[in-house]
Amino acid sequence: MIINLQELSEQTIDFLWIDGTEIHVPMPSTRFVNKINRSENTFERIYELILEFINTNIEGRVFITDDVEQLNSVQSTAILSAAVGVIKEVDEHPNS
């Protein structure tokens, strides 16, 4: 059995942003997911985490605080949940 780490590192989480633009964000690191799990649930911290994550998009689009402040709570939760969910999925099914 071979687990192709290169293939896993090339995968992205794809989002359709609120302006209709599709962005592709590389899989988050375990370190980043740990930040989410340990963070306080303040809006400021949530915005920081979202910015850190989405600003790694392969398109090179730069998001600012105003961009994430426009998101509602469901959208914000969906972004961070996607990051956490992908890591959990890989941990549970490494050959997927």
C-alpha atoms as a PDB file:
ATOM      1  CA  MET A   1       0.000   0.000   0.000  1.00  0.00           C
ATOM      2  CA  ILE A   2       1.323   3.430  -0.968  1.00  0.00           C
ATOM      3  CA  ILE A   3      -0.152   6.639   0.373  1.00  0.00           C
ATOM      4  CA  ASN A   4       0.659   9.376  -2.110  1.00  0.00           C
ATOM      5  CA  LEU A   5       1.455  12.413   0.047  1.00  0.00           C
ATOM      6  CA  GLN A   6       2.158  14.555  -3.004  1.00  0.00           C
ATOM      7  CA  GLU A   7      -1.322  13.898  -4.341  1.00  0.00           C
ATOM      8  CA  LEU A   8      -2.829  14.743  -0.969  1.00  0.00           C
ATOM      9  CA  SER A   9      -0.851  18.005  -0.796  1.00  0.00           C
ATOM     10  CA  GLU A  10      -2.178  19.069  -4.203  1.00  0.00           C
ATOM     11  CA  GLN A  11      -5.834  18.715  -3.207  1.00  0.00           C
ATOM     12  CA  THR A  12      -7.848  21.830  -2.468  1.00  0.00           C
ATOM     13  CA  ILE A  13     -11.039  22.835  -0.742  1.00  0.00           C
ATOM     14  CA  ASP A  14     -13.057  24.826  -3.242  1.00  0.00           C
ATOM     15  CA  PHE A  15     -15.338  27.696  -2.293  1.00  0.00           C
ATOM     16  CA  LEU A  16     -17.738  29.803  -4.308  1.00  0.00           C
ATOM     17  CA  TRP A  17     -17.232  33.192  -2.690  1.00  0.00           C
ATOM     18  CA  ILE A  18     -20.147  35.551  -2.056  1.00  0.00           C
ATOM     19  CA  ASP A  19     -19.221  37.540  -5.194  1.00  0.00           C
ATOM     20  CA  GLY A  20     -19.488  34.401  -7.346  1.00  0.00           C
ATOM     21  CA  THR A  21     -15.735  33.852  -7.680  1.00  0.00           C
ATOM     22  CA  GLU A  22     -14.463  30.328  -7.195  1.00  0.00           C
ATOM     23  CA  ILE A  23     -11.397  30.020  -4.995  1.00  0.00           C
ATOM     24  CA  HIS A  24      -9.276  26.954  -4.345  1.00  0.00           C
ATOM     25  CA  VAL A  25      -7.637  26.700  -0.941  1.00  0.00           C
ATOM     26  CA  PRO A  26      -4.946  24.086  -0.265  1.00  0.00           C
ATOM     27  CA  MET A  27      -5.642  21.539   2.438  1.00  0.00           C
ATOM     28  CA  PRO A  28      -5.006  23.029   5.859  1.00  0.00           C
ATOM     29  CA  SER A  29      -2.112  21.878   7.967  1.00  0.00           C
ATOM     30  CA  THR A  30      -2.691  19.985  11.164  1.00  0.00           C
ATOM     31  CA  ARG A  31      -1.175  22.962  12.967  1.00  0.00           C
ATOM     32  CA  PHE A  32      -3.853  25.239  11.493  1.00  0.00           C
ATOM     33  CA  VAL A  33      -6.654  22.856  12.480  1.00  0.00           C
ATOM     34  CA  ASN A  34      -5.249  22.779  16.012  1.00  0.00           C
ATOM     35  CA  LYS A  35      -5.438  26.588  16.049  1.00  0.00           C
ATOM     36  CA  ILE A  36      -9.127  26.346  15.209  1.00  0.00           C
ATOM     37  CA  ASN A  37      -9.745  23.746  17.886  1.00  0.00           C
ATOM     38  CA  ARG A  38      -7.930  25.779  20.562  1.00  0.00           C
ATOM     39  CA  SER A  39      -9.226  29.220  19.612  1.00  0.00           C
ATOM     40  CA  GLU A  40     -11.620  31.366  21.530  1.00  0.00           C
ATOM     41  CA  ASN A  41     -14.964  31.876  19.872  1.00  0.00           C
ATOM     42  CA  THR A  42     -14.683  35.633  19.464  1.00  0.00           C
ATOM     43  CA  PHE A  43     -15.610  37.201  16.152  1.00  0.00           C
ATOM     44  CA  GLU A  44     -12.182  38.779  15.869  1.00  0.00           C
ATOM     45  CA  ARG A  45     -10.430  35.431  16.285  1.00  0.00           C
ATOM     46  CA  ILE A  46     -12.787  33.708  13.847  1.00  0.00           C
ATOM     47  CA  TYR A  47     -12.092  36.423  11.247  1.00  0.00           C
ATOM     48  CA  GLU A  48      -8.327  36.007  11.764  1.00  0.00           C
ATOM     49  CA  LEU A  49      -8.551  32.252  11.255  1.00  0.00           C
ATOM     50  CA  ILE A  50     -10.701  32.563   8.145  1.00  0.00           C
ATOM     51  CA  LEU A  51      -8.316  35.135   6.671  1.00  0.00           C
ATOM     52  CA  GLU A  52      -5.283  32.981   7.416  1.00  0.00           C
ATOM     53  CA  PHE A  53      -6.933  30.010   5.722  1.00  0.00           C
ATOM     54  CA  ILE A  54      -8.514  31.597   2.639  1.00  0.00           C
ATOM     55  CA  ASN A  55      -5.501  33.790   1.905  1.00  0.00           C
ATOM     56  CA  THR A  56      -3.597  30.632   1.003  1.00  0.00           C
ATOM     57  CA  ASN A  57      -5.816  30.292  -2.090  1.00  0.00           C
ATOM     58  CA  ILE A  58      -3.981  29.234  -5.226  1.00  0.00           C
ATOM     59  CA  GLU A  59      -5.444  32.097  -7.242  1.00  0.00           C
ATOM     60  CA  GLY A  60      -3.432  34.561  -5.157  1.00  0.00           C
ATOM     61  CA  ARG A  61      -6.501  36.606  -4.271  1.00  0.00           C
ATOM     62  CA  VAL A  62      -5.944  38.661  -1.140  1.00  0.00           C
ATOM     63  CA  PHE A  63      -8.840  38.884   1.271  1.00  0.00           C
ATOM     64  CA  ILE A  64      -9.074  41.532   3.980  1.00  0.00           C
ATOM     65  CA  THR A  65     -11.026  41.751   7.216  1.00  0.00           C
ATOM     66  CA  ASP A  66     -13.882  43.591   5.463  1.00  0.00           C
ATOM     67  CA  ASP A  67     -14.331  40.582   3.175  1.00  0.00           C
ATOM     68  CA  VAL A  68     -14.838  38.144   6.021  1.00  0.00           C
ATOM     69  CA  GLU A  69     -16.897  40.545   8.110  1.00  0.00           C
ATOM     70  CA  GLN A  70     -19.516  40.397   5.328  1.00  0.00           C
ATOM     71  CA  LEU A  71     -19.986  36.678   5.935  1.00  0.00           C
ATOM     72  CA  ASN A  72     -22.853  35.571   8.110  1.00  0.00           C
ATOM     73  CA  SER A  73     -22.301  33.107  10.941  1.00  0.00           C
ATOM     74  CA  VAL A  74     -23.335  30.099   8.831  1.00  0.00           C
ATOM     75  CA  GLN A  75     -20.860  31.002   6.079  1.00  0.00           C
ATOM     76  CA  SER A  76     -18.042  31.555   8.583  1.00  0.00           C
ATOM     77  CA  THR A  77     -18.766  28.262  10.282  1.00  0.00           C
ATOM     78  CA  ALA A  78     -18.863  26.463   6.915  1.00  0.00           C
ATOM     79  CA  ILE A  79     -15.368  27.675   6.013  1.00  0.00           C
ATOM     80  CA  LEU A  80     -13.786  26.621   9.294  1.00  0.00           C
ATOM     81  CA  SER A  81     -15.771  23.376   9.416  1.00  0.00           C
ATOM     82  CA  ALA A  82     -14.500  22.496   5.936  1.00  0.00           C
ATOM     83  CA  ALA A  83     -10.918  22.905   7.136  1.00  0.00           C
ATOM     84  CA  VAL A  84     -11.460  20.778  10.235  1.00  0.00           C
ATOM     85  CA  GLY A  85     -13.589  18.210   8.401  1.00  0.00           C
ATOM     86  CA  VAL A  86     -11.001  17.524   5.721  1.00  0.00           C
ATOM     87  CA  ILE A  87      -8.296  16.757   8.269  1.00  0.00           C
ATOM     88  CA  LYS A  88     -10.628  14.431  10.155  1.00  0.00           C
ATOM     89  CA  GLU A  89     -11.586  12.691   6.902  1.00  0.00           C
ATOM     90  CA  VAL A  90      -7.952  12.116   5.936  1.00  0.00           C
ATOM     91  CA  ASP A  91      -7.184  10.825   9.429  1.00  0.00           C
ATOM     92  CA  GLU A  92     -10.091   8.375   9.227  1.00  0.00           C
ATOM     93  CA  HIS A  93      -9.591   7.325   5.572  1.00  0.00           C
ATOM     94  CA  PRO A  94      -5.959   7.942   4.555  1.00  0.00           C
ATOM     95  CA  ASN A  95      -6.326   6.093   1.242  1.00  0.00           C
ATOM     96  CA  SER A  96      -9.331   8.076  -0.007  1.00  0.00           C
END
